[in-house]
């Protein structure tokens, strides 16, 4: 069976061969015409040989990208007694297992007073990204949303001060997350980015183990409408069938196949299937660290648990629904982005994904008219508050603007107002408001 996906890259057009076997198989194996594996490739990290249509087919990892890398490198340790990917993961796993009961007891005391409709909105943040958390809260305040069931897992003291100052419930898991980096990631996939991914999987697992549904979201999100109304709509029987519901990332990279779910915004119903999903995620945390992607590992586990355990998974299609736009719409759907900034779309959120780093996210949000943090609040809490103790909510009163603070950067990127006096990011693109 030949499948033509319409993409130009050869690895997207495939032949599917169904071969007889003694027993049923629910997995696909991938074969490509690649040059033989040489010693040079064997000894190089994350590498794979090049495509050559004149050579024979051979079995390869399914996420091989033909760009001289494998997106799922095998975790390695020279010896089970030596430090390495696996050994380092064992240490983290042992720390979690030794302390999980005490952590859940502490967490329950914090969660019980804030949970609503058995749901907790979970976020995690470090000092470097904390201004994005501030913007989420400030934007929500400007639209009078109830976010009292938000629970923030800060990974350092400054991030905890910010979250508390914004009036949010917090739990600082110093045992498992206390050695996380404070600085922001310089770029997607760097060491800081990879380190923070462990926090993303651990936080959802812990709240789920307490028996609560979780809406997990990254801090680079703003709400237009409360997304919980979709997940809690009991009249929508189709939505209620799913154990986990995810934003569509929009990326067609092989490592995100087949679901392309975005791991920065998803809803999880607490049941034995999802609790084991995130327990398994914890067991595979070394893959997250090594591949530098929480998302690609989560997608593979979603697919496997769906097949093996009957986990029901929904990804809100990026074309068929407008509910949860992200970077794909920002860069690929000019018409939709115009309707969004005019307030004419049916979007519930905007997720500033598909960004190299925090600086890019700020550009997206400020130019879209979705930035609500005053300039004087881009500094440590003690400096903002003059060294005074920060009462719950005091930081929000000091830092939040009731109206969006719009800044133009590029005339060809989506914007709330025409940015005709700004340069183009891509000289070959037309201005966003040109037609």
Protein backbone atom coordinates (compact mmCIF):
# COMPACT_ATOMS: atom_id res chain seq x y z
CA UNK A 1 0.00 0.00 0.00
CA UNK A 2 1.65 3.25 -1.10
CA UNK A 3 0.88 6.30 1.02
CA UNK A 4 1.51 9.74 -0.44
CA UNK A 5 1.25 12.35 2.30
CA UNK A 6 1.92 15.27 -0.02
CA UNK A 7 5.25 16.14 1.61
CA UNK A 8 8.38 16.62 -0.46
CA UNK A 9 10.68 14.61 1.81
CA UNK A 10 11.10 11.03 0.64
CA UNK A 11 10.65 9.55 4.13
CA UNK A 12 7.03 10.77 4.32
CA UNK A 13 5.93 8.74 1.29
CA UNK A 14 5.84 5.12 2.33
CA UNK A 15 4.85 1.63 1.28
CA UNK A 16 3.01 -0.35 3.93
CA UNK A 17 3.59 -4.12 3.70
CA UNK A 18 1.39 -6.50 5.68
CA UNK A 19 3.18 -9.82 6.05
CA UNK A 20 1.73 -13.01 7.47
CA UNK A 21 2.94 -14.27 10.85
CA UNK A 22 2.05 -17.00 13.33
CA UNK A 23 0.57 -14.45 15.73
CA UNK A 24 -0.88 -10.97 15.34
CA UNK A 25 1.47 -8.00 15.55
CA UNK A 26 0.35 -4.53 16.55
CA UNK A 27 3.60 -2.80 15.72
CA UNK A 28 5.07 -1.46 12.51
CA UNK A 29 8.71 -1.96 11.63
CA UNK A 30 10.43 0.54 9.38
CA UNK A 31 12.83 -0.21 6.53
CA UNK A 32 14.82 2.35 4.58
CA UNK A 33 17.44 2.40 1.85
CA UNK A 34 20.33 3.69 3.93
CA UNK A 35 24.05 3.40 3.47
CA UNK A 36 25.70 0.75 5.65
CA UNK A 37 26.42 1.66 9.27
CA UNK A 38 30.12 2.48 9.56
CA UNK A 39 32.32 2.63 12.62
CA UNK A 40 32.26 6.42 12.34
CA UNK A 41 28.48 6.48 12.62
CA UNK A 42 28.46 3.87 15.39
CA UNK A 43 30.75 6.02 17.54
CA UNK A 44 29.01 9.33 16.89
CA UNK A 45 26.23 10.55 19.18
CA UNK A 46 22.69 10.67 17.77
CA UNK A 47 23.93 9.91 14.26
CA UNK A 48 22.61 7.78 11.44
CA UNK A 49 23.86 7.12 7.88
CA UNK A 50 22.49 8.88 4.81
CA UNK A 51 19.69 7.81 2.46
CA UNK A 52 20.68 6.19 -0.85
CA UNK A 53 17.95 4.89 -3.17
CA UNK A 54 20.41 2.48 -4.84
CA UNK A 55 21.13 0.44 -1.72
CA UNK A 56 19.11 -2.36 -0.10
CA UNK A 57 16.34 -1.90 2.43
CA UNK A 58 17.33 -2.40 6.05
CA UNK A 59 15.60 -2.18 9.41
CA UNK A 60 15.96 1.21 11.14
CA UNK A 61 14.51 3.07 14.16
CA UNK A 62 11.12 4.52 13.32
CA UNK A 63 12.06 8.11 14.22
CA UNK A 64 15.19 8.24 12.07
CA UNK A 65 15.15 11.60 10.28
CA UNK A 66 17.83 11.11 7.58
CA UNK A 67 19.53 14.26 8.82
CA UNK A 68 22.43 12.35 10.34
CA UNK A 69 20.69 11.90 13.68
CA UNK A 70 18.38 9.53 15.48
CA UNK A 71 15.74 11.29 17.55
CA UNK A 72 15.48 8.34 19.95
CA UNK A 73 19.10 7.51 20.87
CA UNK A 74 19.53 4.51 23.16
CA UNK A 75 20.28 5.52 26.77
CA UNK A 76 23.77 4.29 27.63
CA UNK A 77 25.88 3.36 30.61
CA UNK A 78 29.32 1.86 30.09
CA UNK A 79 28.61 -0.46 32.99
CA UNK A 80 25.67 -0.83 35.32
CA UNK A 81 28.04 0.30 38.09
CA UNK A 82 29.20 3.38 36.20
CA UNK A 83 27.54 6.77 35.80
CA UNK A 84 25.62 7.26 32.58
CA UNK A 85 22.14 7.87 31.23
CA UNK A 86 20.57 4.83 32.88
CA UNK A 87 22.46 5.08 36.15
CA UNK A 88 21.61 8.77 36.52
CA UNK A 89 17.96 7.94 35.93
CA UNK A 90 18.04 5.21 38.57
CA UNK A 91 19.24 7.76 41.12
CA UNK A 92 16.35 10.10 40.35
CA UNK A 93 13.88 7.24 40.37
CA UNK A 94 15.16 5.99 43.73
CA UNK A 95 14.84 9.48 45.23
CA UNK A 96 11.24 9.70 44.05
CA UNK A 97 10.24 6.23 45.29
CA UNK A 98 11.85 6.79 48.69
CA UNK A 99 9.95 10.04 49.23
CA UNK A 100 6.71 9.74 47.27
CA UNK A 101 4.44 8.97 50.24
CA UNK A 102 5.62 11.99 52.23
CA UNK A 103 5.39 14.21 49.14
CA UNK A 104 1.82 13.11 48.39
CA UNK A 105 0.82 13.73 52.03
CA UNK A 106 2.21 17.28 51.86
CA UNK A 107 0.68 17.87 48.47
CA UNK A 108 -2.76 16.72 49.56
CA UNK A 109 -2.90 19.44 52.21
CA UNK A 110 -2.31 22.07 49.49
CA UNK A 111 -4.54 20.54 46.81
CA UNK A 112 -7.65 19.76 48.85
CA UNK A 113 -8.62 23.43 49.45
CA UNK A 114 -8.22 24.49 45.80
CA UNK A 115 -9.52 21.55 43.75
CA UNK A 116 -12.71 22.28 41.75
CA UNK A 117 -14.83 19.73 39.93
CA UNK A 118 -12.08 17.29 40.88
CA UNK A 119 -9.67 19.25 38.64
CA UNK A 120 -6.37 20.97 39.34
CA UNK A 121 -4.61 23.19 36.80
CA UNK A 122 -0.94 22.26 37.04
CA UNK A 123 1.98 24.42 35.94
CA UNK A 124 5.71 24.31 36.65
CA UNK A 125 8.21 27.14 36.30
CA UNK A 126 11.70 28.29 37.18
CA UNK A 127 13.04 31.79 37.81
CA UNK A 128 14.03 32.31 34.18
CA UNK A 129 10.51 31.70 32.83
CA UNK A 130 8.56 33.20 35.74
CA UNK A 131 7.59 36.39 33.89
CA UNK A 132 5.53 34.19 31.55
CA UNK A 133 3.67 32.84 34.57
CA UNK A 134 3.05 36.44 35.62
CA UNK A 135 1.61 37.17 32.19
CA UNK A 136 -0.74 34.19 32.35
CA UNK A 137 -2.11 35.43 35.67
CA UNK A 138 -2.30 39.07 34.57
CA UNK A 139 -4.09 38.15 31.34
CA UNK A 140 -6.53 35.95 33.27
CA UNK A 141 -7.20 38.79 35.74
CA UNK A 142 -7.91 41.19 32.87
CA UNK A 143 -10.65 38.83 31.67
CA UNK A 144 -11.93 38.00 35.17
CA UNK A 145 -11.20 34.26 34.97
CA UNK A 146 -11.29 32.16 38.12
CA UNK A 147 -7.86 30.52 38.37
CA UNK A 148 -8.04 29.65 42.04
CA UNK A 149 -7.48 25.95 41.28
CA UNK A 150 -4.08 26.60 39.69
CA UNK A 151 -1.22 24.80 41.45
CA UNK A 152 2.31 25.87 40.56
CA UNK A 153 5.30 23.61 41.09
CA UNK A 154 8.21 26.09 41.26
CA UNK A 155 11.68 24.62 40.91
CA UNK A 156 13.56 27.36 42.79
CA UNK A 157 12.99 29.92 45.56
CA UNK A 158 12.53 32.94 43.26
CA UNK A 159 9.91 31.16 41.16
CA UNK A 160 8.07 30.25 44.34
CA UNK A 161 8.08 33.91 45.43
CA UNK A 162 6.63 34.93 42.08
CA UNK A 163 3.87 32.33 42.18
CA UNK A 164 2.91 33.15 45.76
CA UNK A 165 3.02 36.87 45.01
CA UNK A 166 0.58 36.27 42.18
CA UNK A 167 -1.82 34.65 44.63
CA UNK A 168 -1.34 31.07 43.40
CA UNK A 169 -1.06 27.88 45.42
CA UNK A 170 2.43 26.39 45.25
CA UNK A 171 4.31 23.23 46.13
CA UNK A 172 8.10 23.34 45.98
CA UNK A 173 9.33 19.75 45.73
CA UNK A 174 12.89 20.42 46.88
CA UNK A 175 13.68 16.71 47.09
CA UNK A 176 13.06 15.88 43.43
CA UNK A 177 13.25 19.28 41.73
CA UNK A 178 15.46 21.36 44.02
CA UNK A 179 18.54 21.02 41.80
CA UNK A 180 16.76 22.25 38.66
CA UNK A 181 18.42 25.21 36.88
CA UNK A 182 17.16 28.71 37.68
CA UNK A 183 18.01 30.32 34.36
CA UNK A 184 15.80 30.32 31.30
CA UNK A 185 16.60 28.00 28.41
CA UNK A 186 18.75 29.79 25.83
CA UNK A 187 17.07 27.75 23.11
CA UNK A 188 14.65 24.88 22.61
CA UNK A 189 16.27 21.56 23.51
CA UNK A 190 19.31 22.86 25.41
CA UNK A 191 20.48 21.49 28.79
CA UNK A 192 18.24 23.82 30.80
CA UNK A 193 15.23 22.96 28.66
CA UNK A 194 15.90 19.22 29.09
CA UNK A 195 16.26 19.55 32.86
CA UNK A 196 12.89 21.24 33.22
CA UNK A 197 11.15 18.43 31.34
CA UNK A 198 11.53 16.12 34.36
CA UNK A 199 9.41 18.56 36.37
CA UNK A 200 6.68 18.48 33.73
CA UNK A 201 6.13 14.73 33.99
CA UNK A 202 6.56 14.49 37.79
CA UNK A 203 4.01 17.17 38.64
CA UNK A 204 1.19 15.61 36.63
CA UNK A 205 1.93 12.17 38.05
CA UNK A 206 1.76 13.38 41.66
CA UNK A 207 -1.57 15.21 41.33
CA UNK A 208 -3.05 12.32 39.35
CA UNK A 209 -2.00 9.87 42.08
CA UNK A 210 -4.10 11.93 44.51
CA UNK A 211 -7.11 11.03 42.34
CA UNK A 212 -7.63 14.39 40.64
CA UNK A 213 -8.03 15.29 36.98
CA UNK A 214 -5.26 17.55 35.70
CA UNK A 215 -5.16 20.32 33.15
CA UNK A 216 -1.45 20.69 32.52
CA UNK A 217 -0.29 23.79 30.74
CA UNK A 218 2.99 25.54 30.05
CA UNK A 219 3.40 29.08 31.32
CA UNK A 220 3.51 30.60 27.81
CA UNK A 221 -0.28 30.44 27.47
CA UNK A 222 -3.11 32.97 27.66
CA UNK A 223 -6.81 32.21 27.96
CA UNK A 224 -9.58 33.78 25.88
CA UNK A 225 -12.20 31.47 27.39
CA UNK A 226 -11.86 29.01 30.26
CA UNK A 227 -10.79 25.74 28.58
CA UNK A 228 -12.15 23.65 31.44
CA UNK A 229 -15.64 24.30 30.13
CA UNK A 230 -14.81 22.02 27.19
CA UNK A 231 -13.44 19.18 29.29
CA UNK A 232 -16.22 19.44 31.89
CA UNK A 233 -19.08 19.62 29.40
CA UNK A 234 -21.07 16.53 30.38
CA UNK A 235 -23.48 17.05 27.50
CA UNK A 236 -20.62 16.39 25.07
CA UNK A 237 -20.52 12.62 25.38
CA UNK A 238 -17.74 12.31 22.79
CA UNK A 239 -15.36 14.45 24.85
CA UNK A 240 -16.19 12.49 27.99
CA UNK A 241 -15.07 9.23 26.38
CA UNK A 242 -11.40 10.19 26.37
CA UNK A 243 -8.85 9.59 29.10
CA UNK A 244 -6.47 12.28 27.86
CA UNK A 245 -7.10 15.18 25.48
CA UNK A 246 -4.26 17.14 23.90
CA UNK A 247 -3.55 20.23 21.88
CA UNK A 248 -2.33 19.55 18.34
CA UNK A 249 1.31 20.64 18.01
CA UNK A 250 1.09 20.94 14.23
CA UNK A 251 4.57 19.57 13.63
CA UNK A 252 4.97 16.70 11.15
CA UNK A 253 8.39 15.59 12.37
CA UNK A 254 8.79 11.81 12.51
CA UNK A 255 9.60 11.92 16.24
CA UNK A 256 6.09 13.28 16.91
CA UNK A 257 4.31 10.69 14.77
CA UNK A 258 1.57 9.62 14.70
CA UNK A 259 -0.32 11.87 17.13
CA UNK A 260 1.61 15.17 17.05
CA UNK A 261 0.19 15.95 20.50
CA UNK A 262 1.54 19.05 22.23
CA UNK A 263 2.77 18.21 25.72
CA UNK A 264 2.40 21.84 26.82
CA UNK A 265 -1.39 21.74 27.02
CA UNK A 266 -3.46 18.65 27.78
CA UNK A 267 -6.22 17.38 30.08
CA UNK A 268 -5.90 14.09 31.98
CA UNK A 269 -8.72 12.26 33.71
CA UNK A 270 -7.55 10.49 36.85
CA UNK A 271 -8.00 6.74 36.41
CA UNK A 272 -5.83 3.67 36.53
CA UNK A 273 -4.93 3.92 32.84
CA UNK A 274 -3.66 7.50 33.02
CA UNK A 275 -1.96 6.97 36.37
CA UNK A 276 -0.02 4.09 34.90
CA UNK A 277 0.70 6.13 31.76
CA UNK A 278 2.49 8.77 33.82
CA UNK A 279 4.12 6.15 36.03
CA UNK A 280 5.54 4.64 32.84
CA UNK A 281 6.56 8.14 31.76
CA UNK A 282 8.59 8.42 34.96
CA UNK A 283 10.25 5.08 34.18
CA UNK A 284 11.26 6.50 30.78
CA UNK A 285 12.55 9.83 32.09
CA UNK A 286 16.08 9.10 30.89
CA UNK A 287 14.72 9.19 27.33
CA UNK A 288 13.28 12.65 28.01
CA UNK A 289 16.64 13.87 29.23
CA UNK A 290 18.63 12.26 26.42
CA UNK A 291 16.29 13.23 23.57
CA UNK A 292 15.72 16.68 25.14
CA UNK A 293 12.02 16.36 24.44
CA UNK A 294 9.22 15.65 26.88
CA UNK A 295 6.79 15.71 23.97
CA UNK A 296 8.25 13.04 21.71
CA UNK A 297 8.52 10.50 24.53
CA UNK A 298 5.00 11.25 25.74
CA UNK A 299 3.60 10.71 22.24
CA UNK A 300 5.18 7.27 21.92
CA UNK A 301 3.82 6.27 25.34
CA UNK A 302 0.35 7.55 24.44
CA UNK A 303 0.40 5.40 21.32
CA UNK A 304 1.69 2.29 23.08
CA UNK A 305 -0.68 2.58 26.04
CA UNK A 306 -3.58 3.16 23.69
CA UNK A 307 -2.75 -0.07 21.87
CA UNK A 308 -1.82 -2.14 24.90
CA UNK A 309 -4.22 -0.94 27.61
CA UNK A 310 -7.00 0.74 25.65
CA UNK A 311 -6.08 4.25 26.82
CA UNK A 312 -8.36 6.63 24.91
CA UNK A 313 -6.52 9.62 23.44
CA UNK A 314 -7.84 12.65 21.58
CA UNK A 315 -5.78 15.29 19.80
CA UNK A 316 -7.82 18.34 18.79
CA UNK A 317 -7.11 18.57 15.08
CA UNK A 318 -5.35 21.82 14.17
CA UNK A 319 -7.46 22.29 11.03
CA UNK A 320 -10.86 21.00 12.11
CA UNK A 321 -11.01 22.89 15.43
CA UNK A 322 -10.03 26.41 16.47
CA UNK A 323 -10.04 25.76 20.21
CA UNK A 324 -6.33 25.54 21.02
CA UNK A 325 -4.07 27.43 18.58
CA UNK A 326 -0.29 27.45 18.96
CA UNK A 327 2.81 28.07 16.87
CA UNK A 328 1.44 26.22 13.85
CA UNK A 329 -1.43 28.65 13.45
CA UNK A 330 0.86 31.60 14.21
CA UNK A 331 3.18 30.79 11.32
CA UNK A 332 0.93 28.83 8.93
CA UNK A 333 -2.60 30.26 9.21
CA UNK A 334 -2.57 33.99 8.51
CA UNK A 335 -6.33 34.08 8.02
CA UNK A 336 -6.96 32.42 11.36
CA UNK A 337 -4.55 34.70 13.22
CA UNK A 338 -6.38 37.73 11.83
CA UNK A 339 -9.65 36.37 13.17
CA UNK A 340 -7.97 35.66 16.52
CA UNK A 341 -6.63 39.19 17.06
CA UNK A 342 -10.00 40.61 15.98
CA UNK A 343 -11.73 38.44 18.60
CA UNK A 344 -13.70 36.59 15.92
CA UNK A 345 -12.27 33.09 16.36
CA UNK A 346 -13.52 30.29 18.58
CA UNK A 347 -10.15 29.98 20.33
CA UNK A 348 -10.05 29.23 24.03
CA UNK A 349 -6.31 29.78 24.44
CA UNK A 350 -3.18 30.80 22.61
CA UNK A 351 0.00 28.83 23.26
CA UNK A 352 3.23 30.64 22.28
CA UNK A 353 4.99 27.49 21.10
CA UNK A 354 7.27 27.00 18.09
CA UNK A 355 9.70 29.46 19.66
CA UNK A 356 13.48 29.28 19.97
CA UNK A 357 13.47 30.72 23.48
CA UNK A 358 11.66 33.01 25.92
CA UNK A 359 12.60 36.13 23.97
CA UNK A 360 10.66 34.84 20.96
CA UNK A 361 7.65 34.04 23.13
CA UNK A 362 7.60 37.58 24.49
CA UNK A 363 7.66 38.94 20.93
CA UNK A 364 4.70 36.74 19.94
CA UNK A 365 2.64 37.74 22.98
CA UNK A 366 3.47 41.44 23.01
CA UNK A 367 2.80 41.89 19.31
CA UNK A 368 -0.47 39.93 19.52
CA UNK A 369 -1.69 42.24 22.26
CA UNK A 370 -1.55 39.47 24.84
CA UNK A 371 1.07 40.94 27.17
CA UNK A 372 -0.11 42.30 30.54
CA UNK A 373 3.05 42.55 32.68
CA UNK A 374 4.39 46.05 33.38
CA UNK A 375 8.00 46.69 32.38
CA UNK A 376 9.18 47.32 35.95
CA UNK A 377 8.31 43.73 36.85
CA UNK A 378 10.99 42.07 34.72
CA UNK A 379 13.25 41.71 37.75
CA UNK A 380 13.42 39.77 41.06
CA UNK A 381 10.45 39.97 43.41
CA UNK A 382 12.42 41.62 46.24
CA UNK A 383 13.41 44.47 43.93
CA UNK A 384 9.86 44.91 42.68
CA UNK A 385 8.40 45.01 46.18
CA UNK A 386 11.23 47.03 47.76
CA UNK A 387 12.32 44.21 50.02
CA UNK A 388 8.97 43.97 51.79
CA UNK A 389 7.30 40.65 52.45
CA UNK A 390 5.13 39.65 49.52
CA UNK A 391 1.59 38.89 50.56
CA UNK A 392 -0.51 36.57 48.45
CA UNK A 393 -1.65 38.51 45.40
CA UNK A 394 0.46 41.63 46.15
CA UNK A 395 2.72 41.03 43.15
CA UNK A 396 -0.25 40.83 40.80
CA UNK A 397 -1.54 44.18 42.06
CA UNK A 398 1.87 45.72 41.47
CA UNK A 399 2.67 44.16 38.09
CA UNK A 400 -0.55 43.49 36.20
CA UNK A 401 -1.90 45.91 33.63
CA UNK A 402 -5.64 45.86 33.05
CA UNK A 403 -5.06 46.58 29.37
CA UNK A 404 -2.71 44.79 26.95
CA UNK A 405 0.74 46.34 26.50
CA UNK A 406 1.25 46.11 22.74
CA UNK A 407 4.70 46.32 21.15
CA UNK A 408 5.50 45.99 17.45
CA UNK A 409 8.56 44.03 16.33
CA UNK A 410 8.01 42.65 12.80
CA UNK A 411 5.51 43.77 10.19
CA UNK A 412 5.21 40.28 8.68
CA UNK A 413 4.35 38.50 11.95
CA UNK A 414 0.79 38.37 13.36
CA UNK A 415 -0.06 41.53 15.29
CA UNK A 416 -2.96 43.12 17.12
CA UNK A 417 -2.39 46.38 15.27
CA UNK A 418 -0.66 47.02 11.92
CA UNK A 419 3.09 47.15 12.52
CA UNK A 420 3.90 48.79 9.21
CA UNK A 421 6.77 50.85 10.64
CA UNK A 422 8.57 47.73 11.88
CA UNK A 423 11.02 45.67 9.78
CA UNK A 424 10.13 42.31 8.30
CA UNK A 425 11.55 39.23 9.95
CA UNK A 426 11.53 37.55 6.54
CA UNK A 427 12.16 39.97 3.66
CA UNK A 428 10.28 37.65 1.29
CA UNK A 429 7.06 37.75 3.33
CA UNK A 430 4.28 40.29 2.89
CA UNK A 431 3.22 42.41 5.84
CA UNK A 432 0.68 40.61 8.03
CA UNK A 433 -2.00 43.26 7.43
CA UNK A 434 -1.08 43.86 3.76
CA UNK A 435 -4.14 42.10 2.32
